[in-house]
Structures are given as structure tokens and as C-alpha cells.
């Protein structure tokens, strides 16, 4: 039975008791960042902490790996998602956590634009724009981005529905392979 006494579907997932994100387990600098930003926004600390963890992992990228075992190297690949009611300030927390990466991304675009202005076709191929964040969640789109960014990128979507929608964007025949590719990329592998 539900809390109010109404009958519930026996196959339904029971409501879990809310437990706050363990901010105290974070390093001091990050703990302070999460506390200051979530207080300023007026949101739950998890709305800043989770995207911040993914942002930090993306900033490290493929430049470092954790040696779990001699033949098992784990990249800093952190998948996070915040699910909460509308109006709880998820998006401001997300944007706040990604602000520094977004500023780095803007600087990369500005550098690329300058290179393009100075580029002469006789100099060779056009310069590619470096990225640290991508909101293109289709596998073909991500492949294009990664071809110019071997360190990796953060795939950042403020709404999960945009990511899920990419699974069926190219029709049913493509949907299965996109889902499979994403599942293979869980640990920072190519999935291809």
C-alpha cells in the first residue's frame, strides 16, 4: 500500500527514502564549491555536486588513468544524472557546475575563430575546433566531435529526454545500435 493507504501495483518500485548527497565525502575545495553554489541557488547540493563530478572527470579526460590492476586502467569517466521535480532548480545547479568548462569551451571557440580568420587554404587543412563539452548526443555526431578531441569531451544535457531522444532520432534501425554504442561507452571506451 502507498503511504496514503491506497492500493499500489504489486510490481511497482517502492518509494526510496531520500538520503542527502554525502557532500562531506568530497575534497575540501569541491565541498566548499558545492556548498557555496547550492546555497546561492537555493537548491539541493546534489544538483551541483553530480554535474561537477562529471565536469572534473571531463577536464582530466584521457590524460590520466587509474591503475585498478596491472591490466585494468580506468579513465575518469563519470556518468551522472539528476532526477527531481520541476521547479527545484536542477538547471541552475547544472549550469553553475559547468560554468568553468563552458568558459573554457568559449575560449576554444574564440581561438578556433581566430585561426580560421588567418587560415589560407594553401596552408593545409582547415583547423578543427577543440571542444571540452558537447551537447550532441547522437553517436555519429559524437564521433565527429571525438575525432578532433582525443582527450575526450563531456556530453552534457540538462534534460535527459534529449539524450534518450537521440536513441531513436535516426529511426528504429539506428536506435538499437545507438543504445548499444552508449552501453559500450560506459567506461570511456569508444563503443564503436
Protein backbone atom coordinates (compact mmCIF):
# COMPACT_ATOMS: atom_id res chain seq x y z
CA UNK A 1 0.00 0.00 0.00
CA UNK A 2 1.01 3.57 -0.68
CA UNK A 3 1.62 5.96 2.22
CA UNK A 4 -1.93 7.31 1.98
CA UNK A 5 -3.39 3.78 2.24
CA UNK A 6 -4.32 3.39 -1.45
CA UNK A 7 -3.57 0.06 -3.11
CA UNK A 8 -0.47 0.05 -5.30
CA UNK A 9 0.68 -2.06 -8.20
CA UNK A 10 2.49 -5.09 -6.71
CA UNK A 11 5.14 -4.79 -9.45
CA UNK A 12 5.76 -1.09 -8.74
CA UNK A 13 9.12 0.04 -7.43
CA UNK A 14 8.71 1.16 -3.81
CA UNK A 15 9.49 4.76 -2.94
CA UNK A 16 13.01 5.08 -1.62
CA UNK A 17 13.74 7.13 1.41
CA UNK A 18 15.61 10.31 0.48
CA UNK A 19 19.20 10.45 1.63
CA UNK A 20 21.17 13.65 1.07
CA UNK A 21 24.26 13.57 -1.13
CA UNK A 22 27.36 12.92 1.03
CA UNK A 23 28.96 16.33 0.46
CA UNK A 24 31.31 15.71 3.40
CA UNK A 25 32.95 12.89 1.40
CA UNK A 26 34.14 15.37 -1.25
CA UNK A 27 37.57 17.02 -1.14
CA UNK A 28 37.53 20.33 0.73
CA UNK A 29 37.74 22.56 -2.36
CA UNK A 30 34.85 20.79 -4.02
CA UNK A 31 32.85 20.63 -0.77
CA UNK A 32 33.17 24.42 -0.48
CA UNK A 33 32.25 24.92 -4.17
CA UNK A 34 29.14 22.74 -3.87
CA UNK A 35 28.03 24.38 -0.61
CA UNK A 36 28.50 27.94 -1.88
CA UNK A 37 26.80 27.35 -5.22
CA UNK A 38 23.87 25.32 -3.91
CA UNK A 39 23.29 27.88 -1.14
CA UNK A 40 23.40 30.77 -3.64
CA UNK A 41 20.96 29.00 -5.98
CA UNK A 42 18.75 27.64 -3.21
CA UNK A 43 18.92 24.07 -4.45
CA UNK A 44 19.81 20.67 -3.09
CA UNK A 45 23.58 20.18 -3.07
CA UNK A 46 23.28 17.13 -5.34
CA UNK A 47 22.16 19.41 -8.20
CA UNK A 48 25.63 20.98 -8.18
CA UNK A 49 27.73 18.06 -6.92
CA UNK A 50 26.79 15.47 -9.56
CA UNK A 51 27.39 17.59 -12.67
CA UNK A 52 30.55 18.98 -11.02
CA UNK A 53 31.91 15.45 -10.63
CA UNK A 54 31.33 14.81 -14.33
CA UNK A 55 32.89 18.17 -15.22
CA UNK A 56 36.04 17.37 -13.24
CA UNK A 57 36.30 13.97 -14.92
CA UNK A 58 35.94 15.63 -18.35
CA UNK A 59 38.63 18.18 -17.51
CA UNK A 60 41.03 15.33 -16.71
CA UNK A 61 39.88 13.39 -19.76
CA UNK A 62 42.08 10.70 -21.27
CA UNK A 63 45.20 12.38 -19.92
CA UNK A 64 45.21 10.14 -16.83
CA UNK A 65 44.00 6.69 -15.84
CA UNK A 66 43.60 4.93 -12.52
CA UNK A 67 45.52 1.67 -12.33
CA UNK A 68 42.95 -0.69 -10.84
CA UNK A 69 45.03 -3.77 -11.72
CA UNK A 70 48.08 -4.22 -13.87
CA UNK A 71 45.96 -4.80 -16.98
CA UNK A 72 42.97 -2.68 -15.98
CA UNK A 73 43.28 1.07 -16.45
CA UNK A 74 40.16 3.09 -15.68
CA UNK A 75 39.67 6.56 -17.18
CA UNK A 76 37.86 9.26 -15.22
CA UNK A 77 34.52 8.55 -16.86
CA UNK A 78 31.73 9.69 -14.56
CA UNK A 79 28.08 9.32 -15.59
CA UNK A 80 25.66 11.40 -13.56
CA UNK A 81 22.00 12.31 -13.83
CA UNK A 82 19.81 14.42 -11.59
CA UNK A 83 16.14 13.49 -11.46
CA UNK A 84 13.84 15.77 -9.50
CA UNK A 85 10.56 17.61 -9.70
CA UNK A 86 10.22 20.63 -11.97
CA UNK A 87 11.00 23.94 -10.27
CA UNK A 88 13.62 22.56 -7.88
CA UNK A 89 16.50 24.44 -9.56
CA UNK A 90 18.12 21.48 -11.31
CA UNK A 91 19.09 23.57 -14.36
CA UNK A 92 20.72 26.44 -12.41
CA UNK A 93 22.73 23.87 -10.43
CA UNK A 94 23.77 22.15 -13.67
CA UNK A 95 24.83 25.44 -15.29
CA UNK A 96 26.71 26.54 -12.19
CA UNK A 97 28.65 23.27 -12.03
CA UNK A 98 29.60 23.54 -15.72
CA UNK A 99 30.39 27.28 -15.75
CA UNK A 100 34.18 26.87 -15.80
CA UNK A 101 34.09 24.26 -18.56
CA UNK A 102 31.69 26.45 -20.53
CA UNK A 103 34.15 29.34 -20.24
CA UNK A 104 36.98 27.07 -21.44
CA UNK A 105 34.77 25.98 -24.34
CA UNK A 106 34.08 29.62 -25.28
CA UNK A 107 37.84 30.34 -25.26
CA UNK A 108 38.47 27.33 -27.52
CA UNK A 109 35.84 28.55 -29.98
CA UNK A 110 37.36 32.06 -29.95
CA UNK A 111 40.83 30.59 -30.63
CA UNK A 112 39.43 28.50 -33.48
CA UNK A 113 37.66 31.51 -34.99
CA UNK A 114 40.95 33.44 -34.92
CA UNK A 115 42.73 30.52 -36.60
CA UNK A 116 40.01 30.34 -39.25
CA UNK A 117 40.35 34.08 -39.98
CA UNK A 118 44.08 33.64 -40.53
CA UNK A 119 43.81 30.33 -42.39
CA UNK A 120 44.82 30.13 -46.01
CA UNK A 121 43.78 27.05 -47.99
CA UNK A 122 47.40 26.77 -49.15
CA UNK A 123 48.46 26.23 -45.53
CA UNK A 124 46.78 22.84 -45.43
CA UNK A 125 43.52 21.58 -43.97
CA UNK A 126 41.26 23.89 -42.00
CA UNK A 127 41.90 23.97 -38.26
CA UNK A 128 39.46 21.97 -36.17
CA UNK A 129 37.62 23.45 -33.25
CA UNK A 130 38.66 21.87 -29.96
CA UNK A 131 35.88 21.06 -27.54
CA UNK A 132 35.55 20.03 -23.95
CA UNK A 133 31.72 19.96 -23.88
CA UNK A 134 29.28 18.58 -26.42
CA UNK A 135 25.52 18.52 -26.32
CA UNK A 136 25.33 16.36 -29.46
CA UNK A 137 24.22 13.01 -28.14
CA UNK A 138 23.90 11.11 -31.39
CA UNK A 139 26.65 8.55 -31.86
CA UNK A 140 27.57 9.85 -35.35
CA UNK A 141 27.70 13.42 -34.03
CA UNK A 142 29.80 12.41 -31.07
CA UNK A 143 32.21 10.51 -33.34
CA UNK A 144 32.79 13.70 -35.31
CA UNK A 145 33.46 15.66 -32.13
CA UNK A 146 35.79 13.00 -30.70
CA UNK A 147 37.80 12.79 -33.94
CA UNK A 148 39.08 16.30 -33.16
CA UNK A 149 39.24 15.85 -29.38
CA UNK A 150 41.17 12.69 -28.44
CA UNK A 151 41.28 13.74 -24.78
CA UNK A 152 37.51 13.27 -24.73
CA UNK A 153 34.54 15.51 -24.09
CA UNK A 154 31.76 15.90 -21.58
CA UNK A 155 28.40 15.08 -23.11
CA UNK A 156 26.22 17.48 -21.17
CA UNK A 157 22.45 17.60 -21.42
CA UNK A 158 20.36 19.50 -18.91
CA UNK A 159 17.39 17.31 -19.85
CA UNK A 160 17.71 13.53 -20.02
CA UNK A 161 14.89 13.38 -22.57
CA UNK A 162 17.25 14.96 -25.14
CA UNK A 163 19.74 12.15 -24.67
CA UNK A 164 17.09 9.44 -24.69
CA UNK A 165 15.56 11.02 -27.78
CA UNK A 166 18.85 10.58 -29.63
CA UNK A 167 18.38 6.82 -29.34
CA UNK A 168 15.50 6.98 -31.80
CA UNK A 169 16.45 10.09 -33.77
CA UNK A 170 17.61 8.17 -36.83
CA UNK A 171 14.74 5.69 -36.95
CA UNK A 172 14.24 2.32 -35.36
CA UNK A 173 17.01 0.57 -37.31
CA UNK A 174 19.57 3.00 -35.89
CA UNK A 175 18.09 3.15 -32.38
CA UNK A 176 19.34 -0.26 -31.31
CA UNK A 177 22.90 0.40 -32.41
CA UNK A 178 22.99 3.81 -30.67
CA UNK A 179 21.79 2.26 -27.41
CA UNK A 180 24.37 -0.50 -27.75
CA UNK A 181 27.13 2.01 -28.50
CA UNK A 182 26.27 4.09 -25.43
CA UNK A 183 26.29 0.97 -23.26
CA UNK A 184 29.75 0.10 -24.59
CA UNK A 185 30.99 3.61 -23.79
CA UNK A 186 30.15 3.36 -20.09
CA UNK A 187 33.82 3.09 -19.13
CA UNK A 188 35.21 5.65 -21.53
CA UNK A 189 35.72 3.15 -24.35
CA UNK A 190 34.88 4.01 -27.91
CA UNK A 191 31.74 1.89 -28.11
CA UNK A 192 32.38 1.52 -31.81
